Protein backbone atom coordinates (compact mmCIF):
# COMPACT_ATOMS: atom_id res chain seq x y z
CA UNK A 1 128.18 122.15 127.36
CA UNK A 2 131.23 119.92 127.52
CA UNK A 3 132.39 118.99 131.00
CA UNK A 4 135.81 120.64 130.60
CA UNK A 5 134.21 123.99 129.71
CA UNK A 6 131.78 123.64 132.62
CA UNK A 7 134.70 122.97 134.95
CA UNK A 8 136.70 125.89 133.55
CA UNK A 9 133.88 128.37 134.24
CA UNK A 10 133.47 127.03 137.78
CA UNK A 11 137.24 127.35 138.39
CA UNK A 12 137.42 130.89 136.99
CA UNK A 13 134.31 132.16 138.80
CA UNK A 14 133.93 130.13 142.01
CA UNK A 15 131.81 132.80 143.69
CA UNK A 16 129.34 133.03 140.79
CA UNK A 17 129.07 129.25 140.41
CA UNK A 18 129.24 128.47 144.13
CA UNK A 19 126.06 126.37 143.81
CA UNK A 20 127.20 124.38 140.75
CA UNK A 21 127.14 121.09 142.66
CA UNK A 22 124.50 121.98 145.25
CA UNK A 23 121.36 119.95 145.82
CA UNK A 24 118.53 120.19 143.28
CA UNK A 25 116.23 121.34 146.07
CA UNK A 26 118.20 124.58 146.31
CA UNK A 27 119.38 125.35 142.75
CA UNK A 28 119.00 124.36 139.12
CA UNK A 29 122.78 124.74 138.68
CA UNK A 30 123.04 121.11 139.82
CA UNK A 31 122.25 120.20 136.18
CA UNK A 32 125.14 122.27 134.87
CA UNK A 33 125.11 124.54 131.86
CA UNK A 34 122.13 123.54 129.74
CA UNK A 35 123.29 124.69 126.29
CA UNK A 36 125.96 123.88 123.71
CA UNK A 37 129.60 125.03 123.63
CA UNK A 38 129.13 127.98 121.27
CA UNK A 39 128.01 130.31 124.05
CA UNK A 40 131.01 129.58 126.30
CA UNK A 41 132.78 132.86 125.39
CA UNK A 42 129.65 134.91 126.04
CA UNK A 43 129.22 133.40 129.50
CA UNK A 44 132.94 133.64 130.26
CA UNK A 45 133.00 137.35 129.39
CA UNK A 46 129.73 138.00 131.24
CA UNK A 47 131.08 136.41 134.42
CA UNK A 48 134.41 138.25 134.13
CA UNK A 49 132.57 141.56 133.82
CA UNK A 50 130.18 140.78 136.66
CA UNK A 51 132.93 139.75 139.08
CA UNK A 52 135.09 142.73 138.12
CA UNK A 53 132.16 145.10 138.75
CA UNK A 54 131.41 143.60 142.16
CA UNK A 55 135.09 143.57 143.23
CA UNK A 56 135.68 147.12 141.93
CA UNK A 57 132.66 148.50 143.75
CA UNK A 58 133.88 146.90 146.99
CA UNK A 59 137.35 148.46 146.51
CA UNK A 60 135.73 151.85 145.90
CA UNK A 61 133.62 151.39 149.02
CA UNK A 62 136.61 150.48 151.20
CA UNK A 63 138.68 153.36 149.81
CA UNK A 64 135.85 155.83 150.54
CA UNK A 65 135.41 154.54 154.09
CA UNK A 66 139.16 154.91 154.72
CA UNK A 67 139.19 158.38 153.12
CA UNK A 68 136.21 159.54 155.17
CA UNK A 69 137.82 158.37 158.41
CA UNK A 70 140.63 160.89 157.84
CA UNK A 71 138.75 163.65 156.02
CA UNK A 72 137.41 166.92 157.31
CA UNK A 73 133.58 167.11 157.45
CA UNK A 74 133.42 169.24 154.30
CA UNK A 75 135.52 166.65 152.36
CA UNK A 76 133.38 163.60 153.14
CA UNK A 77 132.36 161.49 150.15
CA UNK A 78 129.26 159.36 149.68
CA UNK A 79 130.00 155.72 150.43
CA UNK A 80 129.07 153.46 147.50
CA UNK A 81 126.37 150.89 148.17
CA UNK A 82 127.36 147.25 148.55
CA UNK A 83 126.78 145.15 145.43
CA UNK A 84 125.91 141.69 146.67
CA UNK A 85 127.76 138.74 145.15
CA UNK A 86 126.06 137.30 142.09
CA UNK A 87 125.35 133.58 142.38
CA UNK A 88 124.04 131.75 139.32
CA UNK A 89 120.80 129.82 139.80
CA UNK A 90 120.50 128.45 136.25
CA UNK A 91 122.22 128.89 132.90
CA UNK A 92 120.37 127.45 129.93
CA UNK A 93 118.96 127.88 126.45
CA UNK A 94 115.35 128.96 126.07
CA UNK A 95 113.61 130.12 122.87
CA UNK A 96 116.96 130.04 121.05
CA UNK A 97 118.77 132.37 123.46
CA UNK A 98 120.82 132.18 126.61
CA UNK A 99 119.06 132.58 129.94
CA UNK A 100 121.26 133.54 132.89
CA UNK A 101 119.21 133.34 136.09
CA UNK A 102 120.92 134.56 139.25
CA UNK A 103 120.48 136.34 142.54
CA UNK A 104 122.51 139.26 143.85
CA UNK A 105 124.00 142.08 141.82
CA UNK A 106 122.51 145.42 140.89
CA UNK A 107 121.08 147.22 137.85
CA UNK A 108 124.47 147.21 136.12
CA UNK A 109 124.73 143.43 136.47
CA UNK A 110 121.18 143.10 135.17
CA UNK A 111 122.17 145.09 132.09
CA UNK A 112 125.22 142.89 131.56
CA UNK A 113 123.09 139.74 131.76
CA UNK A 114 120.51 141.09 129.31
CA UNK A 115 123.27 142.10 126.88
CA UNK A 116 124.81 138.60 127.04
CA UNK A 117 121.40 137.07 126.45
CA UNK A 118 120.83 139.28 123.40
CA UNK A 119 124.29 138.44 122.02
CA UNK A 120 123.47 134.74 122.24
CA UNK A 121 120.47 135.27 119.95
CA UNK A 122 122.88 136.11 117.11
CA UNK A 123 125.59 133.56 118.02
CA UNK A 124 125.52 129.91 116.96
CA UNK A 125 124.92 127.86 120.08
CA UNK A 126 127.04 125.03 118.69
CA UNK A 127 130.19 126.78 117.45
CA UNK A 128 130.06 130.47 118.46
CA UNK A 129 130.03 131.82 114.88
CA UNK A 130 127.52 134.47 113.85
CA UNK A 131 124.09 132.91 113.62
CA UNK A 132 120.40 133.62 113.64
CA UNK A 133 117.33 132.19 115.25
CA UNK A 134 115.65 129.45 113.28
CA UNK A 135 112.72 127.10 113.69
CA UNK A 136 109.03 127.33 114.31
CA UNK A 137 108.33 125.06 117.25
CA UNK A 138 111.71 124.61 118.87
CA UNK A 139 113.71 127.77 118.23
CA UNK A 140 117.48 127.45 117.96
CA UNK A 141 120.27 129.85 117.08
CA UNK A 142 122.56 128.43 114.42
CA UNK A 143 125.10 129.52 111.82
CA UNK A 144 124.33 128.47 108.24
CA UNK A 145 126.59 125.40 108.49
CA UNK A 146 125.00 124.02 111.66
CA UNK A 147 121.51 124.87 110.40
CA UNK A 148 122.20 122.60 107.40
CA UNK A 149 123.35 119.83 109.75
CA UNK A 150 120.13 120.21 111.74
CA UNK A 151 118.10 119.84 108.54
CA UNK A 152 119.96 116.61 107.69
CA UNK A 153 119.32 115.04 111.11
């Protein structure tokens, strides 16, 4: 992915990409985003949804704790569980689809990541247009236009 798009994701989601420039002994994010520009919007939306979910759950948790501190015993509400901050370990292409490896989160975050990965399998990795998986050995996801360019290379 182009450097300016890489930088934009890291600026928008500093908590998720906290390890973007960490040592290769601790994370594969040191190599950046290992795919083309066409999946930028998928990753951008995924990260926005992940961070919103984590932040919202924390607000719900704090509200419930405050409510319970003033409530009568029969009014007490269950305190939502903490959703740990998602930190990306690697973002790359594999078998023609996005792979978003991370730690933290919960089952909802896992569902978001799997949905983004499935969306990438029908989105051209180069331009973001509708595409399909092509190839026999090395599988790529391309629109018709970029598939033709690949054939000419």
